[in-house]
């Protein structure tokens, strides 16, 4: 199982030096992580963010993911990188295609697109965008990804007249160095079905109180691959997962993470032991962390992305990278 690292550039204090995120990407590459991903949101409600950061959220920070990815592209040489995930309904597909192709060119073919349908009403409404029902957001995502695929692969001018997007004689150059791949986040039946039809990989987010535990993950990826065969697809579909983590083996860090998690109202009444053992963050002794991650490996996860809580503690995040590189990654080689 390969390990990747996710940068959460939101939920940060106003004085944060954004170059810290580039340094984190560089260090992740140096110590052996496979890929580096960056969260792509324009806004998240405070009640959701409260469980991951110690920041007061009075002035929530949301730097642009693709600008950070451009900096990461030129500051690294080996890791793959990309958004995790881009809500297609909040971005014009032609822009995502342009950004992705440019980043792939900048990096010599290391960009990968992870995409989703979008799920936060306020992220749409606060910017004056309609928040349609999930079925419509899902269909918009599928059509948008088809536009991106065609722009990346077709040699001639692209024409598209669909339900949500229209292109007339679009010349799109330069193309990506190679096919970047399109992975889908989310775990609904529709998303899994979309992965089976068009996706290069499945990359759902962290487990929420067992909602996506190891057994559920195994069922999900097996179902996806079986459906892909029914659709006549022969290529391998990658299996990814993103989890949050405390620094393994550090009781002080573990207890601090529990305090942060309980800032979120819907987690505030959950007993601490249950929150740490079965909740959204992988925490505890080195052996406990290993066993929980190994359960995912045995369930079929091939690329596990880790992000550290509290997300606004840069020094703790650097320390987490070091501990994972020294104590956890070697056990999965």
Protein backbone atom coordinates (compact mmCIF):
# COMPACT_ATOMS: atom_id res chain seq x y z
CA UNK A 1 0.00 0.00 0.00
CA UNK A 2 1.36 3.39 -1.03
CA UNK A 3 0.99 6.45 1.19
CA UNK A 4 0.13 9.95 0.02
CA UNK A 5 -0.23 13.22 1.90
CA UNK A 6 -3.08 15.73 1.82
CA UNK A 7 -2.57 19.44 2.44
CA UNK A 8 -5.49 21.17 4.12
CA UNK A 9 -4.80 24.81 3.34
CA UNK A 10 -8.13 25.94 4.82
CA UNK A 11 -8.84 26.46 8.52
CA UNK A 12 -5.54 28.32 8.92
CA UNK A 13 -4.73 31.49 10.88
CA UNK A 14 -4.46 34.73 8.91
CA UNK A 15 -0.71 34.98 9.51
CA UNK A 16 -0.02 31.61 7.85
CA UNK A 17 2.84 31.75 5.33
CA UNK A 18 1.40 29.90 2.33
CA UNK A 19 4.90 28.78 1.42
CA UNK A 20 4.63 26.42 4.39
CA UNK A 21 2.37 24.23 2.27
CA UNK A 22 4.99 24.03 -0.46
CA UNK A 23 7.57 23.06 2.17
CA UNK A 24 5.24 20.34 3.42
CA UNK A 25 4.92 18.97 -0.12
CA UNK A 26 8.67 18.97 -0.53
CA UNK A 27 9.18 17.18 2.77
CA UNK A 28 6.53 14.58 1.94
CA UNK A 29 8.41 13.87 -1.28
CA UNK A 30 11.76 13.67 0.52
CA UNK A 31 10.60 11.13 3.12
CA UNK A 32 8.92 8.80 0.64
CA UNK A 33 5.26 9.70 0.17
CA UNK A 34 3.83 8.72 -3.22
CA UNK A 35 1.62 11.74 -3.94
CA UNK A 36 0.63 15.12 -2.52
CA UNK A 37 -2.94 16.38 -2.77
CA UNK A 38 -4.54 19.70 -1.87
CA UNK A 39 -8.08 20.32 -0.68
CA UNK A 40 -10.18 22.27 -3.21
CA UNK A 41 -13.01 24.22 -1.62
CA UNK A 42 -14.11 27.84 -1.85
CA UNK A 43 -15.96 27.68 1.45
CA UNK A 44 -16.97 25.26 4.17
CA UNK A 45 -19.37 25.95 7.04
CA UNK A 46 -17.77 26.62 10.41
CA UNK A 47 -19.68 23.82 12.12
CA UNK A 48 -17.97 21.31 9.83
CA UNK A 49 -14.47 22.78 10.06
CA UNK A 50 -14.57 23.18 13.84
CA UNK A 51 -13.65 19.54 14.44
CA UNK A 52 -10.35 19.73 12.58
CA UNK A 53 -8.74 23.05 13.50
CA UNK A 54 -7.92 25.13 16.58
CA UNK A 55 -8.38 28.33 14.57
CA UNK A 56 -11.28 30.54 15.75
CA UNK A 57 -12.73 30.57 12.18
CA UNK A 58 -13.75 34.23 12.50
CA UNK A 59 -11.93 34.90 9.22
CA UNK A 60 -11.82 31.52 7.47
CA UNK A 61 -8.89 31.03 5.13
CA UNK A 62 -9.43 29.41 1.72
CA UNK A 63 -6.42 29.95 -0.59
CA UNK A 64 -6.87 28.73 -4.14
CA UNK A 65 -5.97 25.06 -4.55
CA UNK A 66 -4.77 25.30 -8.14
CA UNK A 67 -2.42 28.19 -7.40
CA UNK A 68 -0.89 26.12 -4.59
CA UNK A 69 -0.67 23.10 -6.89
CA UNK A 70 1.27 25.18 -9.42
CA UNK A 71 3.79 26.05 -6.73
CA UNK A 72 4.00 22.40 -5.69
CA UNK A 73 4.47 21.33 -9.31
CA UNK A 74 7.62 23.42 -9.67
CA UNK A 75 8.97 22.72 -6.17
CA UNK A 76 8.86 18.91 -6.43
CA UNK A 77 10.24 16.42 -8.93
CA UNK A 78 8.79 12.99 -8.17
CA UNK A 79 5.42 12.99 -6.38
CA UNK A 80 2.15 12.94 -8.23
CA UNK A 81 -0.18 15.73 -7.17
CA UNK A 82 -3.62 17.23 -7.71
CA UNK A 83 -6.83 18.40 -6.03
CA UNK A 84 -8.68 16.23 -3.55
CA UNK A 85 -11.32 16.78 -4.73
CA UNK A 86 -12.51 19.40 -7.23
CA UNK A 87 -16.30 19.91 -7.12
CA UNK A 88 -17.07 20.06 -10.85
CA UNK A 89 -20.27 22.05 -10.27
CA UNK A 90 -18.19 24.93 -8.85
CA UNK A 91 -15.69 25.03 -11.72
CA UNK A 92 -16.06 25.40 -15.46
CA UNK A 93 -14.84 22.11 -16.98
CA UNK A 94 -12.81 23.94 -19.62
CA UNK A 95 -10.96 25.74 -16.80
CA UNK A 96 -10.27 22.49 -14.94
CA UNK A 97 -9.02 20.96 -18.19
CA UNK A 98 -6.75 23.97 -18.84
CA UNK A 99 -5.38 24.05 -15.31
CA UNK A 100 -4.79 20.30 -15.30
CA UNK A 101 -3.04 20.24 -18.67
CA UNK A 102 -0.85 23.19 -17.69
CA UNK A 103 0.09 21.58 -14.37
CA UNK A 104 0.84 18.31 -16.13
CA UNK A 105 3.14 20.13 -18.55
CA UNK A 106 4.83 22.04 -15.70
CA UNK A 107 5.53 18.84 -13.80
CA UNK A 108 6.48 16.53 -16.63
CA UNK A 109 3.34 14.40 -16.38
CA UNK A 110 2.61 14.14 -12.64
CA UNK A 111 -0.88 15.69 -12.37
CA UNK A 112 -3.94 13.62 -11.43
CA UNK A 113 -7.51 14.94 -11.24
CA UNK A 114 -9.71 13.88 -8.34
CA UNK A 115 -13.25 15.15 -8.78
CA UNK A 116 -16.64 15.09 -7.10
CA UNK A 117 -20.19 16.33 -7.43
CA UNK A 118 -20.01 18.89 -4.60
CA UNK A 119 -21.95 18.51 -1.37
CA UNK A 120 -21.96 21.76 0.64
CA UNK A 121 -25.03 23.93 0.03
CA UNK A 122 -23.38 27.03 1.53
CA UNK A 123 -20.38 26.67 -0.79
CA UNK A 124 -22.76 27.20 -3.71
CA UNK A 125 -25.24 29.64 -2.17
CA UNK A 126 -22.63 31.98 -0.67
CA UNK A 127 -21.21 32.56 -4.14
CA UNK A 128 -24.54 33.03 -5.84
CA UNK A 129 -24.68 29.57 -7.38
CA UNK A 130 -27.69 27.29 -7.53
CA UNK A 131 -27.44 24.16 -5.40
CA UNK A 132 -29.53 21.59 -7.29
CA UNK A 133 -30.48 18.15 -5.99
CA UNK A 134 -27.73 15.54 -5.93
CA UNK A 135 -28.96 13.79 -9.08
CA UNK A 136 -28.51 16.99 -11.08
CA UNK A 137 -25.13 17.75 -9.50
CA UNK A 138 -24.09 14.19 -10.32
CA UNK A 139 -25.21 14.49 -13.96
CA UNK A 140 -23.46 17.84 -14.27
CA UNK A 141 -20.27 16.24 -12.94
CA UNK A 142 -20.47 13.41 -15.48
CA UNK A 143 -20.99 15.79 -18.37
CA UNK A 144 -18.23 18.07 -17.14
CA UNK A 145 -15.78 15.18 -16.86
CA UNK A 146 -16.67 14.09 -20.39
CA UNK A 147 -15.82 17.60 -21.59
CA UNK A 148 -12.48 17.47 -19.75
CA UNK A 149 -11.67 14.04 -21.18
CA UNK A 150 -12.40 15.18 -24.72
CA UNK A 151 -10.33 18.35 -24.35
CA UNK A 152 -7.42 16.30 -23.06
CA UNK A 153 -7.54 13.60 -25.72
CA UNK A 154 -9.13 14.79 -28.99
CA UNK A 155 -6.82 16.16 -31.66
CA UNK A 156 -9.32 18.23 -33.59
CA UNK A 157 -11.59 21.09 -32.47
CA UNK A 158 -13.97 19.95 -29.74
CA UNK A 159 -17.70 20.45 -30.24
CA UNK A 160 -20.08 19.75 -27.38
CA UNK A 161 -23.76 20.51 -26.95
CA UNK A 162 -25.07 18.99 -23.75
CA UNK A 163 -27.54 19.66 -20.98
CA UNK A 164 -25.17 21.85 -18.96
CA UNK A 165 -22.19 22.74 -21.18
CA UNK A 166 -21.65 23.89 -24.73
CA UNK A 167 -18.42 24.16 -26.72
CA UNK A 168 -18.08 25.40 -30.28
CA UNK A 169 -14.93 24.61 -32.26
CA UNK A 170 -12.59 24.67 -29.26
CA UNK A 171 -8.92 24.19 -30.10
CA UNK A 172 -7.28 22.94 -26.91
CA UNK A 173 -3.49 22.96 -26.65
CA UNK A 174 -1.20 21.96 -25.10
CA UNK A 175 -2.50 18.56 -24.12
CA UNK A 176 -1.30 16.86 -20.93
CA UNK A 177 2.02 15.06 -21.19
CA UNK A 178 0.16 11.81 -20.59
CA UNK A 179 -3.35 10.85 -19.50
CA UNK A 180 -3.58 12.36 -15.97
CA UNK A 181 -6.31 10.04 -14.80
CA UNK A 182 -9.69 10.92 -13.30
CA UNK A 183 -10.47 9.59 -9.82
CA UNK A 184 -13.81 10.17 -8.12
CA UNK A 185 -14.41 10.97 -4.47
CA UNK A 186 -17.58 10.10 -2.59
CA UNK A 187 -19.12 6.78 -1.64
CA UNK A 188 -22.74 6.87 -2.81
CA UNK A 189 -24.16 4.20 -5.11
CA UNK A 190 -24.21 6.66 -8.00
CA UNK A 191 -20.58 7.68 -7.48
CA UNK A 192 -19.44 4.07 -7.32
CA UNK A 193 -21.38 3.36 -10.50
CA UNK A 194 -19.68 6.34 -12.20
CA UNK A 195 -16.25 5.05 -11.19
CA UNK A 196 -17.14 1.71 -12.76
CA UNK A 197 -18.16 3.41 -16.02
CA UNK A 198 -15.61 6.21 -16.46
CA UNK A 199 -13.22 6.44 -13.52
CA UNK A 200 -9.55 5.52 -13.29
CA UNK A 201 -9.83 5.17 -9.53
CA UNK A 202 -12.02 5.53 -6.44
CA UNK A 203 -10.88 7.90 -3.67
CA UNK A 204 -13.55 8.41 -0.99
CA UNK A 205 -12.85 10.56 2.07
CA UNK A 206 -12.16 9.64 5.67
CA UNK A 207 -14.48 7.29 7.57
CA UNK A 208 -17.16 9.07 9.53
CA UNK A 209 -17.85 6.91 12.61
CA UNK A 210 -17.57 3.67 10.67
CA UNK A 211 -19.62 4.81 7.66
CA UNK A 212 -16.75 3.69 5.45
CA UNK A 213 -14.95 1.10 7.49
CA UNK A 214 -12.69 -1.58 6.06
CA UNK A 215 -15.46 -4.08 5.27
CA UNK A 216 -17.59 -1.44 3.56
CA UNK A 217 -14.59 -0.32 1.55
CA UNK A 218 -13.90 -3.87 0.39
CA UNK A 219 -17.51 -4.27 -0.74
CA UNK A 220 -17.37 -0.93 -2.54
CA UNK A 221 -14.21 -1.53 -4.55
CA UNK A 222 -15.22 -5.10 -5.42
CA UNK A 223 -18.60 -3.86 -6.64
CA UNK A 224 -16.94 -1.13 -8.73
CA UNK A 225 -14.56 -3.55 -10.43
CA UNK A 226 -17.31 -6.08 -11.10
CA UNK A 227 -19.50 -3.40 -12.68
CA UNK A 228 -16.54 -2.16 -14.75
CA UNK A 229 -16.17 -5.63 -16.25
CA UNK A 230 -19.88 -5.67 -17.07
CA UNK A 231 -19.36 -2.39 -18.94
CA UNK A 232 -16.61 -4.05 -20.97
CA UNK A 233 -13.76 -2.16 -19.32
CA UNK A 234 -10.45 -4.00 -19.11
CA UNK A 235 -8.14 -1.50 -17.39
CA UNK A 236 -7.40 -1.61 -13.68
CA UNK A 237 -9.39 0.75 -11.43
CA UNK A 238 -7.28 2.16 -8.63
CA UNK A 239 -8.34 1.96 -4.98
CA UNK A 240 -7.65 5.04 -2.85
CA UNK A 241 -8.82 6.34 0.51
CA UNK A 242 -8.21 9.52 2.53
CA UNK A 243 -7.99 9.42 6.34
CA UNK A 244 -7.19 11.97 9.02
CA UNK A 245 -4.60 11.07 11.61
CA UNK A 246 -3.00 12.18 14.83
CA UNK A 247 0.75 11.74 15.14
CA UNK A 248 1.02 8.00 15.91
CA UNK A 249 2.40 6.82 19.24
CA UNK A 250 2.08 10.14 21.05
CA UNK A 251 -0.51 10.13 23.84
CA UNK A 252 -0.37 13.92 24.23
CA UNK A 253 -1.07 14.40 20.52
CA UNK A 254 -3.90 11.85 20.66
CA UNK A 255 -5.64 13.59 23.56
CA UNK A 256 -5.21 16.98 21.92
CA UNK A 257 -6.84 15.66 18.75
CA UNK A 258 -9.77 14.38 20.82
CA UNK A 259 -10.25 17.89 22.22
CA UNK A 260 -10.25 19.35 18.71
CA UNK A 261 -12.70 16.80 17.36
CA UNK A 262 -15.14 17.55 20.16
CA UNK A 263 -15.28 21.21 19.13
CA UNK A 264 -17.67 19.99 16.44
CA UNK A 265 -21.18 19.90 17.85
CA UNK A 266 -22.24 16.55 16.40
CA UNK A 267 -19.11 14.91 17.82
CA UNK A 268 -19.12 16.69 21.19
CA UNK A 269 -21.16 14.05 23.05
CA UNK A 270 -19.36 10.98 21.73
CA UNK A 271 -17.22 9.30 24.42
CA UNK A 272 -13.55 10.07 23.90
CA UNK A 273 -12.46 6.44 23.55
CA UNK A 274 -15.11 5.79 20.91
CA UNK A 275 -14.21 9.00 19.08
CA UNK A 276 -10.57 7.99 18.90
CA UNK A 277 -11.05 4.30 18.16
CA UNK A 278 -13.93 4.43 15.67
CA UNK A 279 -14.19 8.09 14.70
CA UNK A 280 -12.95 10.15 11.78
CA UNK A 281 -9.28 10.30 12.89
CA UNK A 282 -6.77 7.44 13.04
CA UNK A 283 -5.07 7.85 16.41
CA UNK A 284 -3.41 5.97 19.24
CA UNK A 285 -0.26 3.93 19.72
CA UNK A 286 1.90 2.97 16.77
CA UNK A 287 0.45 -0.52 16.88
CA UNK A 288 -3.15 0.74 17.04
CA UNK A 289 -2.56 3.03 14.06
CA UNK A 290 -0.85 0.25 12.14
CA UNK A 291 -3.66 -2.22 12.78
CA UNK A 292 -6.34 0.23 11.69
CA UNK A 293 -4.48 1.13 8.50
CA UNK A 294 -3.63 -2.51 7.82
CA UNK A 295 -7.33 -3.34 7.93
CA UNK A 296 -7.78 -0.96 5.01
CA UNK A 297 -4.84 -2.51 3.18
CA UNK A 298 -6.42 -5.92 3.57
CA UNK A 299 -9.72 -4.51 2.31
CA UNK A 300 -8.06 -3.52 -0.97
CA UNK A 301 -6.82 0.05 -0.47
CA UNK A 302 -3.79 0.58 -2.71
CA UNK A 303 -3.15 4.26 -2.02
CA UNK A 304 -3.91 5.68 1.40
CA UNK A 305 -3.81 9.46 1.77
CA UNK A 306 -3.20 10.85 5.24
CA UNK A 307 -3.80 14.35 6.62
CA UNK A 308 -2.98 15.48 10.14
CA UNK A 309 -5.20 17.02 12.82
CA UNK A 310 -5.19 19.78 13.96
CA UNK A 311 -4.89 20.96 10.37
CA UNK A 312 -3.62 24.40 11.42
CA UNK A 313 -0.61 23.10 13.39
CA UNK A 314 2.14 23.12 10.76
CA UNK A 315 4.87 21.91 13.11
CA UNK A 316 2.73 18.98 14.20
CA UNK A 317 2.08 18.17 10.55
CA UNK A 318 5.79 18.14 9.78
CA UNK A 319 6.29 15.86 12.79
CA UNK A 320 3.49 13.60 11.57
CA UNK A 321 5.21 13.20 8.20
CA UNK A 322 8.44 12.20 9.94
CA UNK A 323 6.79 9.66 12.25
CA UNK A 324 4.81 8.08 9.41
CA UNK A 325 7.93 7.90 7.24
CA UNK A 326 10.00 6.32 9.98
CA UNK A 327 7.48 4.11 11.78
CA UNK A 328 4.48 3.41 9.52
CA UNK A 329 5.46 3.44 5.82
CA UNK A 330 8.19 0.78 6.16
CA UNK A 331 5.65 -1.71 7.55
CA UNK A 332 3.62 -1.50 4.33
CA UNK A 333 6.47 -1.89 1.85
